Amino acid sequence: MLVVSRFRVPVDEGERFRTELQQALDALAERPGHLAGTIGRNVDEPELWVLTTRWEHVGAYRRALSAYDVKLRAVPLLSRALDEPSAYEVVEPGTVLNTRSTRSIT
């Protein structure tokens, strides 16, 4: 599973944001199921940042978000992400893709 969180940050706040983003990534990286993470900044629009993380599965990512340390060090920053879908399934040859279904309440 791949999580892509994008942020728009004024250039003059970039260095402080970079530090906070690294702290968030460090907290997530300590959680079970975390495979990799990367911080990036757009080359054409320096106020646009991205945090990508890879997880064994969606459950590992969701459990990571509920961990106390992550709630302190990452969730406040992640709440600043652009309002757009962030969780993606990794598509490789032969992957059976997730299908959208309506959940019913019984």
N, C-alpha and C. Protein backbone atom coordinates (compact mmCIF):
# COMPACT_ATOMS: atom_id res chain seq x y z
N MET A 1 0.83 -1.16 0.00
CA MET A 1 0.00 0.00 0.00
C MET A 1 0.88 1.23 0.00
N LEU A 2 0.47 2.22 -0.75
CA LEU A 2 1.21 3.47 -0.90
C LEU A 2 0.34 4.61 -0.41
N VAL A 3 0.91 5.48 0.43
CA VAL A 3 0.20 6.66 0.92
C VAL A 3 0.94 7.89 0.42
N VAL A 4 0.21 8.79 -0.24
CA VAL A 4 0.78 10.02 -0.80
C VAL A 4 0.05 11.19 -0.15
N SER A 5 0.77 11.97 0.63
CA SER A 5 0.20 13.14 1.28
C SER A 5 0.92 14.38 0.76
N ARG A 6 0.15 15.28 0.16
CA ARG A 6 0.74 16.50 -0.40
C ARG A 6 0.38 17.69 0.47
N PHE A 7 1.30 18.64 0.53
CA PHE A 7 1.15 19.81 1.38
C PHE A 7 1.53 21.07 0.59
N ARG A 8 0.83 22.15 0.84
CA ARG A 8 1.21 23.45 0.28
C ARG A 8 1.64 24.32 1.46
N VAL A 9 2.92 24.72 1.44
CA VAL A 9 3.53 25.43 2.55
C VAL A 9 4.23 26.67 2.01
N PRO A 10 3.99 27.85 2.60
CA PRO A 10 4.72 29.04 2.15
C PRO A 10 6.24 28.80 2.19
N VAL A 11 6.93 29.32 1.21
CA VAL A 11 8.37 29.09 1.07
C VAL A 11 9.12 29.49 2.34
N ASP A 12 8.72 30.58 2.97
CA ASP A 12 9.43 31.04 4.17
C ASP A 12 9.22 30.13 5.39
N GLU A 13 8.28 29.19 5.30
CA GLU A 13 8.06 28.22 6.37
C GLU A 13 8.66 26.85 6.02
N GLY A 14 9.32 26.77 4.87
CA GLY A 14 9.79 25.50 4.35
C GLY A 14 10.74 24.74 5.25
N GLU A 15 11.72 25.41 5.81
CA GLU A 15 12.71 24.70 6.64
C GLU A 15 12.08 24.15 7.91
N ARG A 16 11.22 24.91 8.55
CA ARG A 16 10.54 24.42 9.74
C ARG A 16 9.63 23.24 9.38
N PHE A 17 8.91 23.37 8.26
CA PHE A 17 8.03 22.30 7.82
C PHE A 17 8.83 21.04 7.50
N ARG A 18 9.98 21.22 6.88
CA ARG A 18 10.83 20.07 6.55
C ARG A 18 11.20 19.29 7.80
N THR A 19 11.55 20.00 8.87
CA THR A 19 11.90 19.36 10.14
C THR A 19 10.69 18.61 10.71
N GLU A 20 9.52 19.26 10.69
CA GLU A 20 8.31 18.63 11.21
C GLU A 20 7.92 17.41 10.37
N LEU A 21 8.11 17.50 9.08
CA LEU A 21 7.78 16.39 8.19
C LEU A 21 8.71 15.21 8.46
N GLN A 22 9.97 15.47 8.71
CA GLN A 22 10.92 14.40 9.03
C GLN A 22 10.54 13.74 10.35
N GLN A 23 10.12 14.53 11.33
CA GLN A 23 9.69 13.97 12.62
C GLN A 23 8.46 13.07 12.43
N ALA A 24 7.55 13.50 11.59
CA ALA A 24 6.36 12.69 11.30
C ALA A 24 6.75 11.38 10.62
N LEU A 25 7.63 11.47 9.64
CA LEU A 25 8.09 10.26 8.94
C LEU A 25 8.81 9.33 9.91
N ASP A 26 9.63 9.87 10.80
CA ASP A 26 10.33 9.04 11.78
C ASP A 26 9.34 8.29 12.68
N ALA A 27 8.28 8.98 13.10
CA ALA A 27 7.27 8.33 13.95
C ALA A 27 6.57 7.21 13.19
N LEU A 28 6.20 7.47 11.95
CA LEU A 28 5.55 6.44 11.15
C LEU A 28 6.48 5.26 10.89
N ALA A 29 7.74 5.55 10.64
CA ALA A 29 8.71 4.50 10.31
C ALA A 29 8.94 3.52 11.46
N GLU A 30 8.64 3.94 12.67
CA GLU A 30 8.81 3.07 13.83
C GLU A 30 7.67 2.06 13.99
N ARG A 31 6.61 2.21 13.22
CA ARG A 31 5.43 1.37 13.37
C ARG A 31 5.56 0.07 12.57
N PRO A 32 5.00 -1.01 13.12
CA PRO A 32 5.00 -2.29 12.39
C PRO A 32 4.28 -2.15 11.05
N GLY A 33 4.84 -2.77 10.04
CA GLY A 33 4.23 -2.74 8.71
C GLY A 33 4.73 -1.63 7.81
N HIS A 34 5.49 -0.71 8.35
CA HIS A 34 6.06 0.37 7.53
C HIS A 34 7.22 -0.20 6.71
N LEU A 35 7.21 0.06 5.41
CA LEU A 35 8.24 -0.47 4.53
C LEU A 35 9.24 0.58 4.08
N ALA A 36 8.76 1.79 3.78
CA ALA A 36 9.65 2.85 3.29
C ALA A 36 8.91 4.18 3.36
N GLY A 37 9.68 5.25 3.31
CA GLY A 37 9.09 6.58 3.29
C GLY A 37 10.03 7.58 2.64
N THR A 38 9.45 8.58 2.00
CA THR A 38 10.24 9.59 1.30
C THR A 38 9.58 10.95 1.46
N ILE A 39 10.41 11.96 1.63
CA ILE A 39 9.95 13.35 1.65
C ILE A 39 10.43 13.99 0.36
N GLY A 40 9.57 14.77 -0.27
CA GLY A 40 9.95 15.45 -1.50
C GLY A 40 9.39 16.86 -1.56
N ARG A 41 10.01 17.66 -2.41
CA ARG A 41 9.53 19.02 -2.67
C ARG A 41 9.50 19.22 -4.18
N ASN A 42 8.45 19.82 -4.67
CA ASN A 42 8.27 20.01 -6.10
C ASN A 42 9.36 20.94 -6.65
N VAL A 43 9.93 20.57 -7.79
CA VAL A 43 11.02 21.36 -8.37
C VAL A 43 10.54 22.65 -9.02
N ASP A 44 9.29 22.68 -9.45
CA ASP A 44 8.76 23.88 -10.10
C ASP A 44 7.96 24.77 -9.15
N GLU A 45 7.37 24.18 -8.15
CA GLU A 45 6.60 24.94 -7.16
C GLU A 45 7.14 24.58 -5.77
N PRO A 46 8.14 25.32 -5.27
CA PRO A 46 8.80 24.94 -4.02
C PRO A 46 7.91 24.99 -2.78
N GLU A 47 6.70 25.52 -2.90
CA GLU A 47 5.80 25.48 -1.75
C GLU A 47 5.00 24.18 -1.70
N LEU A 48 5.18 23.31 -2.67
CA LEU A 48 4.46 22.03 -2.72
C LEU A 48 5.39 20.90 -2.25
N TRP A 49 4.99 20.24 -1.17
CA TRP A 49 5.76 19.16 -0.56
C TRP A 49 4.96 17.86 -0.64
N VAL A 50 5.65 16.73 -0.52
CA VAL A 50 4.99 15.43 -0.52
C VAL A 50 5.67 14.50 0.49
N LEU A 51 4.85 13.70 1.13
CA LEU A 51 5.33 12.62 1.98
C LEU A 51 4.73 11.34 1.41
N THR A 52 5.56 10.40 1.03
CA THR A 52 5.07 9.11 0.56
C THR A 52 5.57 8.04 1.52
N THR A 53 4.68 7.12 1.84
CA THR A 53 5.06 5.99 2.67
C THR A 53 4.51 4.72 2.05
N ARG A 54 5.21 3.63 2.26
CA ARG A 54 4.75 2.31 1.79
C ARG A 54 4.53 1.43 3.01
N TRP A 55 3.46 0.65 2.92
CA TRP A 55 3.03 -0.20 4.03
C TRP A 55 2.75 -1.61 3.53
N GLU A 56 2.86 -2.58 4.43
CA GLU A 56 2.56 -3.97 4.07
C GLU A 56 1.11 -4.10 3.59
N HIS A 57 0.20 -3.39 4.26
CA HIS A 57 -1.22 -3.43 3.91
C HIS A 57 -1.92 -2.26 4.59
N VAL A 58 -3.16 -2.03 4.20
CA VAL A 58 -3.91 -0.88 4.71
C VAL A 58 -4.10 -0.97 6.22
N GLY A 59 -4.26 -2.16 6.75
CA GLY A 59 -4.43 -2.31 8.19
C GLY A 59 -3.23 -1.81 8.98
N ALA A 60 -2.02 -2.09 8.47
CA ALA A 60 -0.81 -1.62 9.15
C ALA A 60 -0.78 -0.09 9.19
N TYR A 61 -1.16 0.53 8.09
CA TYR A 61 -1.18 2.00 8.03
C TYR A 61 -2.22 2.56 9.01
N ARG A 62 -3.38 2.00 9.00
CA ARG A 62 -4.44 2.51 9.90
C ARG A 62 -4.08 2.30 11.36
N ARG A 63 -3.48 1.17 11.68
CA ARG A 63 -3.03 0.95 13.06
C ARG A 63 -1.93 1.94 13.44
N ALA A 64 -1.05 2.24 12.49
CA ALA A 64 0.02 3.20 12.77
C ALA A 64 -0.55 4.56 13.14
N LEU A 65 -1.60 4.98 12.45
CA LEU A 65 -2.19 6.29 12.74
C LEU A 65 -2.82 6.36 14.12
N SER A 66 -3.19 5.22 14.67
CA SER A 66 -3.81 5.23 15.99
C SER A 66 -2.80 5.08 17.13
N ALA A 67 -1.53 4.88 16.82
CA ALA A 67 -0.50 4.75 17.85
C ALA A 67 -0.27 6.10 18.54
N TYR A 68 -0.09 6.06 19.83
CA TYR A 68 0.05 7.29 20.63
C TYR A 68 1.16 8.20 20.09
N ASP A 69 2.33 7.65 19.85
CA ASP A 69 3.46 8.45 19.39
C ASP A 69 3.17 9.10 18.03
N VAL A 70 2.50 8.38 17.16
CA VAL A 70 2.15 8.92 15.84
C VAL A 70 1.11 10.02 16.00
N LYS A 71 0.16 9.85 16.92
CA LYS A 71 -0.83 10.90 17.16
C LYS A 71 -0.15 12.19 17.62
N LEU A 72 0.92 12.07 18.37
CA LEU A 72 1.65 13.25 18.84
C LEU A 72 2.56 13.85 17.78
N ARG A 73 3.30 13.01 17.07
CA ARG A 73 4.36 13.50 16.18
C ARG A 73 3.98 13.60 14.71
N ALA A 74 2.93 12.91 14.28
CA ALA A 74 2.62 12.90 12.84
C ALA A 74 1.22 13.39 12.50
N VAL A 75 0.22 12.98 13.25
CA VAL A 75 -1.16 13.29 12.89
C VAL A 75 -1.41 14.80 12.78
N PRO A 76 -0.90 15.64 13.70
CA PRO A 76 -1.14 17.08 13.53
C PRO A 76 -0.60 17.60 12.19
N LEU A 77 0.55 17.14 11.79
CA LEU A 77 1.12 17.55 10.51
C LEU A 77 0.32 16.97 9.35
N LEU A 78 -0.04 15.70 9.44
CA LEU A 78 -0.80 15.07 8.36
C LEU A 78 -2.15 15.74 8.15
N SER A 79 -2.69 16.34 9.20
CA SER A 79 -3.98 17.03 9.06
C SER A 79 -3.87 18.28 8.19
N ARG A 80 -2.65 18.72 7.93
CA ARG A 80 -2.42 19.88 7.05
C ARG A 80 -2.33 19.49 5.58
N ALA A 81 -2.41 18.19 5.28
CA ALA A 81 -2.30 17.73 3.90
C ALA A 81 -3.45 18.26 3.06
N LEU A 82 -3.20 18.40 1.77
CA LEU A 82 -4.25 18.80 0.85
C LEU A 82 -5.40 17.81 0.93
N ASP A 83 -6.61 18.30 0.81
CA ASP A 83 -7.79 17.45 0.94
C ASP A 83 -8.01 16.68 -0.36
N GLU A 84 -7.39 15.51 -0.43
CA GLU A 84 -7.50 14.65 -1.59
C GLU A 84 -7.22 13.22 -1.15
N PRO A 85 -7.69 12.24 -1.90
CA PRO A 85 -7.40 10.84 -1.53
C PRO A 85 -5.89 10.62 -1.44
N SER A 86 -5.48 9.84 -0.44
CA SER A 86 -4.04 9.65 -0.24
C SER A 86 -3.60 8.19 -0.24
N ALA A 87 -4.52 7.25 -0.10
CA ALA A 87 -4.15 5.84 -0.02
C ALA A 87 -4.32 5.17 -1.38
N TYR A 88 -3.27 4.51 -1.83
CA TYR A 88 -3.26 3.85 -3.14
C TYR A 88 -2.80 2.41 -2.98
N GLU A 89 -3.39 1.53 -3.77
CA GLU A 89 -2.88 0.18 -3.82
C GLU A 89 -1.74 0.14 -4.84
N VAL A 90 -0.74 -0.64 -4.55
CA VAL A 90 0.39 -0.79 -5.45
C VAL A 90 -0.04 -1.72 -6.58
N VAL A 91 0.15 -1.28 -7.82
CA VAL A 91 -0.27 -2.05 -8.99
C VAL A 91 0.97 -2.61 -9.68
N GLU A 92 1.06 -3.91 -9.68
CA GLU A 92 2.17 -4.61 -10.34
C GLU A 92 1.55 -5.63 -11.28
N PRO A 93 2.32 -6.17 -12.21
CA PRO A 93 1.76 -7.17 -13.12
C PRO A 93 1.08 -8.29 -12.33
N GLY A 94 -0.14 -8.60 -12.72
CA GLY A 94 -0.87 -9.68 -12.08
C GLY A 94 -1.61 -9.31 -10.81
N THR A 95 -1.49 -8.06 -10.36
CA THR A 95 -2.17 -7.65 -9.14
C THR A 95 -3.68 -7.70 -9.34
N VAL A 96 -4.37 -8.29 -8.39
CA VAL A 96 -5.82 -8.25 -8.39
C VAL A 96 -6.21 -6.95 -7.70
N LEU A 97 -6.84 -6.06 -8.45
CA LEU A 97 -7.14 -4.74 -7.93
C LEU A 97 -8.37 -4.75 -7.03
N ASN A 98 -8.33 -3.87 -6.06
CA ASN A 98 -9.45 -3.66 -5.17
C ASN A 98 -10.65 -3.19 -5.98
N THR A 99 -11.84 -3.63 -5.63
CA THR A 99 -13.03 -3.15 -6.32
C THR A 99 -13.84 -2.32 -5.34
N ARG A 100 -14.38 -1.25 -5.85
CA ARG A 100 -15.19 -0.37 -5.01
C ARG A 100 -16.52 -1.06 -4.76
N SER A 101 -16.92 -1.10 -3.51
CA SER A 101 -18.20 -1.69 -3.18
C SER A 101 -18.88 -0.85 -2.12
N THR A 102 -20.18 -0.91 -2.10
CA THR A 102 -20.95 -0.19 -1.11
C THR A 102 -21.04 -1.04 0.13
N ARG A 103 -20.71 -0.44 1.26
CA ARG A 103 -20.84 -1.17 2.51
C ARG A 103 -22.25 -0.99 3.03
N SER A 104 -22.85 -2.07 3.42
CA SER A 104 -24.20 -1.96 3.96
C SER A 104 -24.15 -2.08 5.47
N ILE A 105 -25.03 -1.35 6.11
CA ILE A 105 -25.12 -1.40 7.57
C ILE A 105 -26.26 -2.35 7.90
N THR A 106 -25.93 -3.35 8.68
CA THR A 106 -26.98 -4.32 9.03
C THR A 106 -27.22 -4.31 10.51
